[in-house]
Amino acid sequence: MTLTTRLKKLLLGTLAVGLLASALVLSFAIFSQHTTYAASAAPAKTKMVSITTNKKGIFAFSPKTLKVKVGMTVTWTNKTTVQHTVTSNDGTTFNSGFINPGATFSFTFTKAGTFPYHCNIHPFMKATIIVS
């Protein structure tokens, strides 16, 4: 048997083992009960707010009012081309600092209440988070 023939058989054997291993991993992922339970896990604990430009071309938070439960996290995503902030009106509950275009800021609300906020750079940008 030549070296080329041996290498071909070795390569085919390696490919067969790799395909078998891949099939086993895929089967486990598809038929595993753990995968099924994970897909139907508890409701999401994160709500999203977009920092965007509204129909009039003005920067805005969307939605303007968001209702969440205690313990939930709100994540703001800057979808504009300039920096913004997410700053609670009391100035102490939360303050994102500068959020660059494409970046996010998250805050977890640990107590009930109404939390109005704004953008320090664009003070006309205002919105409210209501936590129950």
Protein backbone atom coordinates (compact mmCIF):
# COMPACT_ATOMS: atom_id res chain seq x y z
CA MET A 1 0.00 0.00 0.00
CA THR A 2 1.45 3.35 -0.98
CA LEU A 3 1.79 6.35 1.31
CA THR A 4 -0.86 8.22 -0.69
CA THR A 5 -3.36 5.38 -0.24
CA ARG A 6 -2.66 5.24 3.50
CA LEU A 7 -3.13 8.99 3.84
CA LYS A 8 -6.44 8.85 1.93
CA LYS A 9 -7.73 6.07 4.24
CA LEU A 10 -6.58 8.00 7.32
CA LEU A 11 -8.25 11.17 6.07
CA LEU A 12 -11.51 9.32 5.29
CA GLY A 13 -11.46 7.71 8.73
CA THR A 14 -10.88 11.06 10.42
CA LEU A 15 -13.72 12.64 8.45
CA ALA A 16 -16.05 9.77 9.39
CA VAL A 17 -15.25 10.16 13.10
CA GLY A 18 -15.74 13.94 12.85
CA LEU A 19 -19.12 13.52 11.15
CA LEU A 20 -20.24 10.99 13.75
CA ALA A 21 -19.18 13.28 16.60
CA SER A 22 -20.99 16.23 14.98
CA ALA A 23 -24.15 14.15 14.55
CA LEU A 24 -24.06 13.13 18.22
CA VAL A 25 -23.62 16.70 19.43
CA LEU A 26 -26.42 17.92 17.17
CA SER A 27 -28.72 15.11 18.30
CA PHE A 28 -28.06 15.92 21.93
CA ALA A 29 -28.83 19.60 21.36
CA ILE A 30 -32.06 18.85 19.48
CA PHE A 31 -33.46 16.13 21.72
CA SER A 32 -32.16 17.20 25.12
CA GLN A 33 -34.90 18.02 27.63
CA HIS A 34 -32.66 20.76 29.01
CA THR A 35 -32.74 22.53 25.64
CA THR A 36 -36.53 22.32 25.56
CA TYR A 37 -36.88 23.79 29.05
CA ALA A 38 -34.40 26.56 28.35
CA ALA A 39 -36.38 27.66 25.30
CA SER A 40 -39.52 28.11 27.39
CA ALA A 41 -37.85 29.75 30.39
CA ALA A 42 -39.36 32.46 32.57
CA PRO A 43 -40.41 35.75 30.95
CA ALA A 44 -37.61 38.11 30.00
CA LYS A 45 -36.34 40.29 32.82
CA THR A 46 -35.02 42.94 30.45
CA LYS A 47 -36.98 45.63 28.64
CA MET A 48 -35.53 47.70 25.83
CA VAL A 49 -35.62 51.43 25.16
CA SER A 50 -34.26 52.90 21.92
CA ILE A 51 -32.54 56.24 21.73
CA THR A 52 -33.60 57.22 18.27
CA THR A 53 -34.75 59.96 15.95
CA ASN A 54 -38.54 60.33 15.74
CA LYS A 55 -40.63 60.99 12.64
CA LYS A 56 -39.96 64.73 12.95
CA GLY A 57 -36.20 64.17 12.96
CA ILE A 58 -35.89 64.95 16.67
CA PHE A 59 -33.92 62.79 19.12
CA ALA A 60 -36.21 60.81 21.43
CA PHE A 61 -36.50 57.87 23.80
CA SER A 62 -38.82 55.12 22.54
CA PRO A 63 -41.05 54.20 24.21
CA LYS A 64 -41.61 57.46 26.03
CA THR A 65 -43.20 55.60 28.97
CA LEU A 66 -42.25 52.06 29.96
CA LYS A 67 -43.83 49.93 32.70
CA VAL A 68 -41.69 47.25 34.37
CA LYS A 69 -41.74 45.12 37.52
CA VAL A 70 -39.34 45.46 40.46
CA GLY A 71 -36.17 43.52 39.67
CA MET A 72 -36.37 44.06 35.93
CA THR A 73 -33.54 45.58 33.92
CA VAL A 74 -34.03 48.28 31.32
CA THR A 75 -31.45 48.53 28.54
CA TRP A 76 -31.18 51.66 26.45
CA THR A 77 -29.58 51.37 23.00
CA ASN A 78 -28.26 54.45 21.22
CA LYS A 79 -29.41 54.09 17.62
CA THR A 80 -28.38 57.59 16.58
CA THR A 81 -25.08 58.96 15.30
CA VAL A 82 -24.32 61.16 18.33
CA GLN A 83 -23.75 60.67 22.07
CA HIS A 84 -26.58 60.76 24.60
CA THR A 85 -27.07 60.16 28.32
CA VAL A 86 -29.78 58.44 30.33
CA THR A 87 -30.03 60.42 33.55
CA SER A 88 -32.72 60.19 36.23
CA ASN A 89 -34.30 63.55 36.94
CA ASP A 90 -33.19 63.32 40.58
CA GLY A 91 -29.62 62.98 39.29
CA THR A 92 -28.78 60.12 41.66
CA THR A 93 -30.90 57.04 40.88
CA PHE A 94 -29.13 56.32 37.58
CA ASN A 95 -26.79 58.11 35.21
CA SER A 96 -25.31 56.42 32.18
CA GLY A 97 -22.60 58.90 31.40
CA PHE A 98 -22.03 59.31 27.66
CA ILE A 99 -23.54 56.54 25.52
CA ASN A 100 -21.77 56.38 22.17
CA PRO A 101 -23.62 55.54 18.94
CA GLY A 102 -24.42 51.81 18.91
CA ALA A 103 -23.64 51.40 22.62
CA THR A 104 -25.99 50.45 25.46
CA PHE A 105 -26.66 51.29 29.10
CA SER A 106 -28.54 49.02 31.51
CA PHE A 107 -30.08 49.65 34.91
CA THR A 108 -31.93 47.24 37.21
CA PHE A 109 -34.85 48.74 39.13
CA THR A 110 -34.91 47.42 42.71
CA LYS A 111 -37.82 49.46 44.08
CA ALA A 112 -41.24 50.55 42.93
CA GLY A 113 -41.85 54.09 41.82
CA THR A 114 -42.01 56.49 38.91
CA PHE A 115 -38.65 57.42 37.47
CA PRO A 116 -38.64 60.32 35.01
CA TYR A 117 -35.36 60.74 33.12
CA HIS A 118 -33.74 62.82 30.40
CA CYS A 119 -30.63 63.24 28.26
CA ASN A 120 -28.15 65.73 29.76
CA ILE A 121 -26.85 66.63 26.29
CA HIS A 122 -30.33 67.08 24.77
CA PRO A 123 -32.58 68.16 27.69
CA PHE A 124 -35.70 68.10 25.50
CA MET A 125 -35.36 64.29 25.43
CA LYS A 126 -37.58 63.09 28.29
CA ALA A 127 -39.20 59.80 29.24
CA THR A 128 -40.43 57.83 32.26
CA ILE A 129 -40.00 54.36 33.72
CA ILE A 130 -42.88 53.18 35.95
CA VAL A 131 -41.88 50.34 38.29
CA SER A 132 -44.52 48.30 40.14
